[in-house]
C-alpha atoms as a PDB file:
ATOM      1  CA  UNK A   1       0.000   0.000   0.000  1.00  0.00           C
ATOM      2  CA  UNK A   2       1.019   3.631  -0.381  1.00  0.00           C
ATOM      3  CA  UNK A   3       2.768   5.469   2.457  1.00  0.00           C
ATOM      4  CA  UNK A   4       0.562   7.540   4.748  1.00  0.00           C
ATOM      5  CA  UNK A   5       1.457  10.066   7.429  1.00  0.00           C
ATOM      6  CA  UNK A   6       1.384   8.579  10.907  1.00  0.00           C
ATOM      7  CA  UNK A   7       3.297   7.706  14.041  1.00  0.00           C
ATOM      8  CA  UNK A   8       3.315   3.928  13.662  1.00  0.00           C
ATOM      9  CA  UNK A   9       0.478   3.408  16.117  1.00  0.00           C
ATOM     10  CA  UNK A  10      -3.169   2.540  15.688  1.00  0.00           C
ATOM     11  CA  UNK A  11      -4.968   5.163  17.747  1.00  0.00           C
ATOM     12  CA  UNK A  12      -8.646   4.522  18.351  1.00  0.00           C
ATOM     13  CA  UNK A  13     -11.321   6.816  19.713  1.00  0.00           C
ATOM     14  CA  UNK A  14     -13.360   4.451  21.893  1.00  0.00           C
ATOM     15  CA  UNK A  15     -15.668   7.193  23.157  1.00  0.00           C
ATOM     16  CA  UNK A  16     -15.979  10.298  20.964  1.00  0.00           C
ATOM     17  CA  UNK A  17     -17.915  12.599  23.296  1.00  0.00           C
ATOM     18  CA  UNK A  18     -16.740  13.762  26.738  1.00  0.00           C
ATOM     19  CA  UNK A  19     -15.561  12.018  28.737  1.00  0.00           C
ATOM     20  CA  UNK A  20     -13.570  10.742  25.760  1.00  0.00           C
ATOM     21  CA  UNK A  21     -11.514   7.592  25.742  1.00  0.00           C
ATOM     22  CA  UNK A  22      -8.681   7.533  23.201  1.00  0.00           C
ATOM     23  CA  UNK A  23      -6.318   4.552  23.296  1.00  0.00           C
ATOM     24  CA  UNK A  24      -3.321   3.095  21.514  1.00  0.00           C
ATOM     25  CA  UNK A  25      -4.379  -0.276  20.090  1.00  0.00           C
ATOM     26  CA  UNK A  26      -0.949  -1.294  18.828  1.00  0.00           C
ATOM     27  CA  UNK A  27       2.386   0.051  17.613  1.00  0.00           C
ATOM     28  CA  UNK A  28       4.768  -0.876  14.817  1.00  0.00           C
ATOM     29  CA  UNK A  29       8.442  -1.445  15.575  1.00  0.00           C
ATOM     30  CA  UNK A  30      10.916   1.050  14.162  1.00  0.00           C
ATOM     31  CA  UNK A  31       8.444   3.944  13.963  1.00  0.00           C
ATOM     32  CA  UNK A  32       8.130   7.271  15.816  1.00  0.00           C
ATOM     33  CA  UNK A  33       5.685   5.621  18.260  1.00  0.00           C
ATOM     34  CA  UNK A  34       8.289   3.108  19.422  1.00  0.00           C
ATOM     35  CA  UNK A  35      11.227   5.505  19.694  1.00  0.00           C
ATOM     36  CA  UNK A  36      12.586   5.123  23.212  1.00  0.00           C
ATOM     37  CA  UNK A  37      12.308   7.952  25.711  1.00  0.00           C
ATOM     38  CA  UNK A  38      13.824   7.365  29.150  1.00  0.00           C
ATOM     39  CA  UNK A  39      13.869   3.606  28.574  1.00  0.00           C
ATOM     40  CA  UNK A  40      10.269   3.268  27.368  1.00  0.00           C
ATOM     41  CA  UNK A  41       8.595   3.474  23.955  1.00  0.00           C
ATOM     42  CA  UNK A  42       6.826   6.801  23.453  1.00  0.00           C
ATOM     43  CA  UNK A  43       3.517   4.991  22.821  1.00  0.00           C
ATOM     44  CA  UNK A  44       2.526   1.524  23.970  1.00  0.00           C
ATOM     45  CA  UNK A  45      -0.450  -0.764  23.567  1.00  0.00           C
ATOM     46  CA  UNK A  46      -3.314   0.195  25.867  1.00  0.00           C
ATOM     47  CA  UNK A  47      -1.954   3.642  26.686  1.00  0.00           C
ATOM     48  CA  UNK A  48      -4.560   6.368  27.089  1.00  0.00           C
ATOM     49  CA  UNK A  49      -4.034   9.681  25.297  1.00  0.00           C
ATOM     50  CA  UNK A  50      -5.026  12.386  27.792  1.00  0.00           C
ATOM     51  CA  UNK A  51      -3.974  15.571  25.981  1.00  0.00           C
ATOM     52  CA  UNK A  52      -2.849  16.653  22.522  1.00  0.00           C
ATOM     53  CA  UNK A  53      -0.972  19.913  21.999  1.00  0.00           C
ATOM     54  CA  UNK A  54      -2.307  21.226  25.302  1.00  0.00           C
ATOM     55  CA  UNK A  55      -5.972  20.319  24.687  1.00  0.00           C
ATOM     56  CA  UNK A  56      -7.503  17.924  27.214  1.00  0.00           C
ATOM     57  CA  UNK A  57      -8.723  14.877  25.289  1.00  0.00           C
ATOM     58  CA  UNK A  58     -10.987  13.539  28.029  1.00  0.00           C
ATOM     59  CA  UNK A  59     -13.057  16.630  28.772  1.00  0.00           C
ATOM     60  CA  UNK A  60     -11.810  19.350  26.412  1.00  0.00           C
ATOM     61  CA  UNK A  61     -12.423  19.817  22.734  1.00  0.00           C
ATOM     62  CA  UNK A  62     -15.563  21.846  23.198  1.00  0.00           C
ATOM     63  CA  UNK A  63     -14.721  24.499  20.592  1.00  0.00           C
ATOM     64  CA  UNK A  64     -14.060  23.921  16.906  1.00  0.00           C
ATOM     65  CA  UNK A  65     -10.455  25.086  17.342  1.00  0.00           C
ATOM     66  CA  UNK A  66      -9.899  22.510  20.119  1.00  0.00           C
ATOM     67  CA  UNK A  67     -11.540  19.748  18.091  1.00  0.00           C
ATOM     68  CA  UNK A  68      -9.297  20.630  15.147  1.00  0.00           C
ATOM     69  CA  UNK A  69      -6.229  20.521  17.419  1.00  0.00           C
ATOM     70  CA  UNK A  70      -7.184  17.062  18.694  1.00  0.00           C
ATOM     71  CA  UNK A  71      -7.865  15.669  15.221  1.00  0.00           C
ATOM     72  CA  UNK A  72      -4.715  17.204  13.697  1.00  0.00           C
ATOM     73  CA  UNK A  73      -2.549  15.729  16.439  1.00  0.00           C
ATOM     74  CA  UNK A  74      -4.142  12.306  16.616  1.00  0.00           C
ATOM     75  CA  UNK A  75      -4.427  11.833  12.862  1.00  0.00           C
ATOM     76  CA  UNK A  76      -1.682  13.834  11.081  1.00  0.00           C
ATOM     77  CA  UNK A  77      -2.230  14.508   7.393  1.00  0.00           C
ATOM     78  CA  UNK A  78       1.407  15.037   6.416  1.00  0.00           C
ATOM     79  CA  UNK A  79       4.778  13.577   7.308  1.00  0.00           C
ATOM     80  CA  UNK A  80       6.903  15.923   9.386  1.00  0.00           C
ATOM     81  CA  UNK A  81       4.128  17.222  11.660  1.00  0.00           C
ATOM     82  CA  UNK A  82       5.184  17.474  15.311  1.00  0.00           C
ATOM     83  CA  UNK A  83       2.667  17.130  18.139  1.00  0.00           C
ATOM     84  CA  UNK A  84       2.904  16.802  21.914  1.00  0.00           C
ATOM     85  CA  UNK A  85       0.890  14.217  23.839  1.00  0.00           C
ATOM     86  CA  UNK A  86       0.185  13.482  27.472  1.00  0.00           C
ATOM     87  CA  UNK A  87       0.051   9.701  27.724  1.00  0.00           C
ATOM     88  CA  UNK A  88      -1.057   7.475  30.623  1.00  0.00           C
ATOM     89  CA  UNK A  89       0.485   4.017  30.332  1.00  0.00           C
ATOM     90  CA  UNK A  90      -1.392   0.909  31.460  1.00  0.00           C
ATOM     91  CA  UNK A  91       1.025   0.404  34.362  1.00  0.00           C
ATOM     92  CA  UNK A  92       0.264   3.898  35.691  1.00  0.00           C
ATOM     93  CA  UNK A  93       2.915   6.444  34.736  1.00  0.00           C
ATOM     94  CA  UNK A  94       1.912   9.613  32.904  1.00  0.00           C
ATOM     95  CA  UNK A  95       4.421  11.214  30.538  1.00  0.00           C
ATOM     96  CA  UNK A  96       4.570  13.969  27.982  1.00  0.00           C
ATOM     97  CA  UNK A  97       5.993  12.841  24.644  1.00  0.00           C
ATOM     98  CA  UNK A  98       6.593  14.618  21.371  1.00  0.00           C
ATOM     99  CA  UNK A  99       6.038  12.707  18.135  1.00  0.00           C
ATOM    100  CA  UNK A 100       6.848  13.685  14.578  1.00  0.00           C
ATOM    101  CA  UNK A 101       4.752  11.974  11.908  1.00  0.00           C
ATOM    102  CA  UNK A 102       6.470  10.022   9.156  1.00  0.00           C
ATOM    103  CA  UNK A 103       5.423   8.540   5.804  1.00  0.00           C
ATOM    104  CA  UNK A 104       4.733   4.945   6.792  1.00  0.00           C
ATOM    105  CA  UNK A 105       3.451   1.815   5.087  1.00  0.00           C
ATOM    106  CA  UNK A 106       1.381  -0.458   7.264  1.00  0.00           C
END
């Protein structure tokens, strides 16, 4: 298939209206999602995305500008886009990570 912009993670919106639930379903090795940061992959299966570029995913996104920010960060349209995420991992820690989208083939 043709390359598409992404992080190398399948991100799924499980609940689209507040309180939202946005999770990482899986990641692909060797992609921006699995780049190590302090000994841990930036994104991991089951992790909950709590904020994107400063917009609260769970309870924010009430204006069109905030909704656009969430969508642009979660689902980049072009390679080279950089976005910042607050991520809660399944084993508890919360971290802020920065990801740059790449042209990837799934």
